Amino acid sequence: MAQSSRRTLYDKIWESHTVDVLPTGQTQLFIGLHLIHEITTAPAFDMLREKGLDVAFPERTYATVDHIVPTDMRTRPFMDSQAEELIQALEKNVSEFGIEFFGLHSENQGIVHVIGPQLGLTQPGMTLACGDSHTSTHGAFGTLAFGIGTSQVRDVLATQTLAIDKLKVRRINVNGSLSEGVYAKDVILNIIRKLGVAGGKGFAYEYGGSIVDKMSMEERMTICNMSIEGGALVGYVNPDATTF
């Protein structure tokens, strides 16, 4: 497990999406796809209204209702008043700003990190942002996927860019074979055990090696999903025949 000195997929995607270098030294990075949901967006849309701004690229923005959907019955209004308030705010905002919305009764509604890949929205070589810490899940597809906060959600809505520091890349090779009963979740937990919960701070994790090469897309998503638990903002796997 070492910092990479080669020109990585991270470098290539970063360079191809760089708009400018800001006076702060941060990169203004273009975001190819912005996924939003009900939890982190309401204040961001309010900030747009306060500044009189529109969504810059509504065609690159997709919304779904995710975390608050009841598991037993979907009758409106929801019994949880806070959940009902959140979904009403999202419905209002996507309607006002012209954003495609996978609502409660859409066949495309679901977990935000599942529907992106499932609908073919998440693709190799792109940048992606979502107001959710586990956005690194999409890195399984050779995507630079950033989990962002509400103020950054506002920035992406308004400009389709992020002001962000470039990370170093740490290549993590997982070789050999897995014993019976050992799965992708065990692999990433072992990596975190070895490197620590803050081991990825300042790094993007690039996962590879014979074990990762043999993994299904679902298994790679599990690995990348947990990158944030090890302190890495980004985790990804280089795209291969399995990806495509």
Protein backbone atom coordinates (compact mmCIF):
# COMPACT_ATOMS: atom_id res chain seq x y z
CA MET A 1 0.00 0.00 0.00
CA ALA A 2 1.85 3.07 -1.20
CA GLN A 3 1.36 6.52 -2.63
CA SER A 4 1.39 6.30 -6.43
CA SER A 5 3.94 8.20 -8.52
CA ARG A 6 2.38 7.22 -11.86
CA ARG A 7 -0.25 9.22 -13.74
CA THR A 8 -3.39 7.72 -12.30
CA LEU A 9 -7.01 7.66 -13.38
CA TYR A 10 -7.54 10.25 -10.64
CA ASP A 11 -5.00 12.56 -12.31
CA LYS A 12 -6.52 12.11 -15.76
CA ILE A 13 -10.08 12.81 -14.64
CA TRP A 14 -8.96 15.72 -12.47
CA GLU A 15 -7.06 17.37 -15.32
CA SER A 16 -9.86 16.91 -17.84
CA HIS A 17 -12.41 18.49 -15.46
CA THR A 18 -10.31 21.41 -14.18
CA VAL A 19 -11.91 24.77 -14.96
CA ASP A 20 -9.38 26.98 -13.17
CA VAL A 21 -7.01 27.22 -10.24
CA LEU A 22 -8.44 29.62 -7.67
CA PRO A 23 -6.46 32.26 -5.71
CA THR A 24 -6.81 29.97 -2.67
CA GLY A 25 -4.81 27.30 -4.49
CA GLN A 26 -7.88 25.09 -4.77
CA THR A 27 -9.05 23.71 -8.09
CA GLN A 28 -12.37 24.72 -9.56
CA LEU A 29 -13.50 21.29 -10.72
CA PHE A 30 -16.39 20.72 -13.13
CA ILE A 31 -18.90 18.16 -11.88
CA GLY A 32 -20.36 15.96 -14.59
CA LEU A 33 -23.24 14.56 -12.54
CA HIS A 34 -24.95 15.90 -9.42
CA LEU A 35 -27.24 13.57 -7.46
CA ILE A 36 -29.45 15.11 -4.79
CA HIS A 37 -31.89 13.83 -2.19
CA GLU A 38 -34.11 15.15 0.57
CA ILE A 39 -31.66 15.46 3.48
CA THR A 40 -28.98 17.96 2.42
CA THR A 41 -30.71 20.05 -0.24
CA ALA A 42 -33.43 22.26 1.23
CA PRO A 43 -31.05 24.88 2.72
CA ALA A 44 -28.99 24.82 -0.50
CA PHE A 45 -32.02 25.73 -2.60
CA ASP A 46 -32.95 28.44 -0.10
CA MET A 47 -29.46 29.93 -0.57
CA LEU A 48 -30.00 29.98 -4.35
CA ARG A 49 -33.26 31.90 -3.88
CA GLU A 50 -31.58 34.40 -1.55
CA LYS A 51 -28.98 35.14 -4.24
CA GLY A 52 -31.45 35.04 -7.12
CA LEU A 53 -29.59 32.17 -8.80
CA ASP A 54 -30.83 29.34 -11.02
CA VAL A 55 -29.51 25.79 -11.27
CA ALA A 56 -26.70 26.05 -13.82
CA PHE A 57 -27.08 22.63 -15.45
CA PRO A 58 -30.43 21.07 -14.50
CA GLU A 59 -29.86 18.37 -17.14
CA ARG A 60 -26.86 17.16 -15.12
CA THR A 61 -28.84 17.05 -11.87
CA TYR A 62 -31.08 14.19 -10.72
CA ALA A 63 -33.08 13.97 -7.52
CA THR A 64 -34.54 11.06 -5.59
CA VAL A 65 -36.28 10.66 -2.26
CA ASP A 66 -34.10 8.24 -0.33
CA HIS A 67 -33.50 8.17 3.43
CA ILE A 68 -36.97 9.01 4.74
CA VAL A 69 -39.12 6.57 2.72
CA PRO A 70 -41.17 4.38 5.11
CA THR A 71 -40.53 0.65 4.86
CA ASP A 72 -44.11 -0.45 5.54
CA MET A 73 -46.52 2.02 3.95
CA ARG A 74 -46.11 5.04 1.70
CA THR A 75 -49.37 6.83 2.44
CA ARG A 76 -49.07 10.62 2.40
CA PRO A 77 -48.73 12.56 4.55
CA PHE A 78 -46.05 10.48 6.30
CA MET A 79 -46.69 9.70 9.96
CA ASP A 80 -43.30 11.27 10.70
CA SER A 81 -43.96 15.01 10.32
CA GLN A 82 -40.30 15.84 9.81
CA ALA A 83 -40.04 13.31 6.97
CA GLU A 84 -43.16 14.78 5.36
CA GLU A 85 -41.67 18.26 5.61
CA LEU A 86 -38.46 17.10 3.92
CA ILE A 87 -40.20 15.41 1.00
CA GLN A 88 -42.50 18.40 0.47
CA ALA A 89 -39.47 20.70 0.33
CA LEU A 90 -37.74 18.46 -2.21
CA GLU A 91 -40.87 18.21 -4.36
CA LYS A 92 -41.24 21.99 -4.34
CA ASN A 93 -37.57 22.62 -5.16
CA VAL A 94 -37.24 20.18 -8.05
CA SER A 95 -40.46 21.51 -9.57
CA GLU A 96 -39.38 25.14 -9.27
CA PHE A 97 -35.86 24.59 -10.62
CA GLY A 98 -36.71 22.08 -13.36
CA ILE A 99 -34.82 19.05 -12.04
CA GLU A 100 -35.72 15.47 -12.96
CA PHE A 101 -37.15 13.81 -9.87
CA PHE A 102 -37.59 10.15 -9.02
CA GLY A 103 -40.40 10.56 -6.55
CA LEU A 104 -42.16 8.18 -4.25
CA HIS A 105 -44.11 6.44 -7.00
CA SER A 106 -41.42 6.44 -9.68
CA GLU A 107 -40.03 3.04 -10.63
CA ASN A 108 -36.59 4.71 -10.59
CA GLN A 109 -36.87 5.88 -6.96
CA GLY A 110 -34.36 4.30 -4.62
CA ILE A 111 -31.10 4.60 -2.72
CA VAL A 112 -29.18 7.42 -4.37
CA HIS A 113 -25.97 5.37 -4.67
CA VAL A 114 -27.84 2.48 -6.27
CA ILE A 115 -29.97 4.30 -8.82
CA GLY A 116 -27.00 6.21 -10.27
CA PRO A 117 -25.32 3.01 -11.48
CA GLN A 118 -28.62 1.21 -12.11
CA LEU A 119 -29.84 3.89 -14.52
CA GLY A 120 -26.48 4.25 -16.24
CA LEU A 121 -26.01 7.78 -14.94
CA THR A 122 -22.74 6.85 -13.20
CA GLN A 123 -20.09 6.22 -15.85
CA PRO A 124 -16.30 5.77 -16.03
CA GLY A 125 -14.16 8.86 -16.36
CA MET A 126 -16.65 11.34 -14.92
CA THR A 127 -16.83 13.51 -11.83
CA LEU A 128 -19.82 13.10 -9.55
CA ALA A 129 -21.01 14.82 -6.40
CA CYS A 130 -23.77 14.13 -3.91
CA GLY A 131 -24.60 15.50 -0.47
CA ASP A 132 -23.93 12.16 1.18
CA SER A 133 -20.73 10.87 2.78
CA HIS A 134 -20.87 7.48 1.02
CA THR A 135 -20.83 8.98 -2.48
CA SER A 136 -17.47 7.24 -2.93
CA THR A 137 -19.59 4.16 -3.77
CA HIS A 138 -19.72 5.37 -7.38
CA GLY A 139 -15.93 5.06 -7.61
CA ALA A 140 -16.47 1.37 -8.33
CA PHE A 141 -17.24 2.49 -11.90
CA GLY A 142 -14.00 4.43 -12.40
CA THR A 143 -15.66 7.67 -11.31
CA LEU A 144 -14.28 10.43 -9.07
CA ALA A 145 -17.22 10.71 -6.70
CA PHE A 146 -17.25 13.28 -3.90
CA GLY A 147 -19.47 13.36 -0.84
CA ILE A 148 -20.18 17.02 -0.14
CA GLY A 149 -21.89 19.25 2.42
CA THR A 150 -24.88 21.54 2.02
CA SER A 151 -22.90 24.67 1.11
CA GLN A 152 -21.10 22.67 -1.58
CA VAL A 153 -24.44 21.34 -2.83
CA ARG A 154 -25.39 25.00 -3.28
CA ASP A 155 -22.14 25.64 -5.19
CA VAL A 156 -22.68 22.73 -7.56
CA LEU A 157 -26.31 23.69 -8.16
CA ALA A 158 -25.29 27.28 -8.94
CA THR A 159 -22.08 26.68 -10.93
CA GLN A 160 -21.74 22.92 -11.62
CA THR A 161 -18.28 23.19 -10.05
CA LEU A 162 -16.58 22.50 -6.73
CA ALA A 163 -13.71 24.40 -5.12
CA ILE A 164 -11.60 21.53 -3.86
CA ASP A 165 -8.04 20.55 -2.96
CA LYS A 166 -6.38 17.85 -5.03
CA LEU A 167 -5.78 14.62 -3.13
CA LYS A 168 -2.79 12.32 -3.25
CA VAL A 169 -3.47 8.80 -4.53
CA ARG A 170 -2.73 5.70 -2.49
CA ARG A 171 -2.82 2.45 -4.45
CA ILE A 172 -4.12 -0.49 -2.40
CA ASN A 173 -3.49 -3.92 -3.93
CA VAL A 174 -5.45 -6.86 -2.57
CA ASN A 175 -3.94 -10.09 -3.91
CA GLY A 176 -4.38 -13.80 -3.33
CA SER A 177 -7.75 -15.45 -2.77
CA LEU A 178 -10.58 -15.13 -0.26
CA SER A 179 -11.40 -17.97 2.11
CA GLU A 180 -14.94 -19.31 2.27
CA GLY A 181 -17.22 -16.91 4.10
CA VAL A 182 -14.96 -13.89 3.49
CA TYR A 183 -16.59 -11.16 1.40
CA ALA A 184 -15.99 -7.65 0.05
CA LYS A 185 -17.13 -6.04 3.31
CA ASP A 186 -14.50 -8.07 5.18
CA VAL A 187 -11.83 -6.94 2.71
CA ILE A 188 -12.49 -3.23 3.21
CA LEU A 189 -12.81 -3.62 6.98
CA ASN A 190 -9.39 -5.28 7.01
CA ILE A 191 -7.93 -2.44 4.94
CA ILE A 192 -9.35 0.07 7.41
CA ARG A 193 -7.97 -1.98 10.31
CA LYS A 194 -4.50 -1.86 8.77
CA LEU A 195 -4.50 1.81 7.73
CA GLY A 196 -6.72 3.24 10.46
CA VAL A 197 -9.92 5.24 10.42
CA ALA A 198 -7.93 8.37 9.51
CA GLY A 199 -5.43 6.64 7.24
CA GLY A 200 -7.04 8.03 4.11
CA LYS A 201 -7.04 11.66 5.16
CA GLY A 202 -5.72 13.67 2.22
CA PHE A 203 -5.81 10.62 -0.06
CA ALA A 204 -7.90 9.01 -2.73
CA TYR A 205 -7.79 5.23 -2.44
CA GLU A 206 -7.23 3.34 -5.70
CA TYR A 207 -8.19 -0.31 -5.19
CA GLY A 208 -6.67 -3.07 -7.32
CA GLY A 209 -4.94 -6.42 -7.22
CA SER A 210 -6.11 -9.88 -8.21
CA ILE A 211 -8.93 -10.06 -5.66
CA VAL A 212 -10.45 -6.70 -6.64
CA ASP A 213 -10.00 -7.56 -10.33
CA LYS A 214 -12.20 -10.63 -9.84
CA MET A 215 -14.91 -8.79 -7.92
CA SER A 216 -18.37 -8.07 -9.29
CA MET A 217 -19.54 -4.48 -9.60
CA GLU A 218 -21.63 -4.90 -6.45
CA GLU A 219 -18.56 -6.05 -4.52
CA ARG A 220 -16.50 -3.15 -5.81
CA MET A 221 -19.29 -0.78 -4.77
CA THR A 222 -19.06 -2.22 -1.25
CA ILE A 223 -15.31 -1.59 -1.16
CA CYS A 224 -15.59 1.97 -2.46
CA ASN A 225 -18.60 2.76 -0.27
CA MET A 226 -16.54 2.22 2.88
CA SER A 227 -13.61 4.43 1.79
CA ILE A 228 -14.99 7.29 3.85
CA GLU A 229 -14.88 5.09 6.97
CA GLY A 230 -11.12 4.96 6.48
CA GLY A 231 -10.81 8.73 6.13
CA ALA A 232 -10.54 8.81 2.32
CA LEU A 233 -12.82 11.26 0.51
CA VAL A 234 -12.58 9.24 -2.70
CA GLY A 235 -12.18 5.54 -3.46
CA TYR A 236 -12.20 4.03 -6.92
CA VAL A 237 -11.39 1.02 -9.09
CA ASN A 238 -9.93 1.40 -12.57
CA PRO A 239 -12.58 0.45 -15.16
CA ASP A 240 -12.13 -2.87 -16.95
CA ALA A 241 -14.19 -5.40 -18.92
CA THR A 242 -16.33 -6.08 -15.84
CA THR A 243 -17.16 -2.39 -15.55
CA PHE A 244 -18.22 -2.02 -19.15
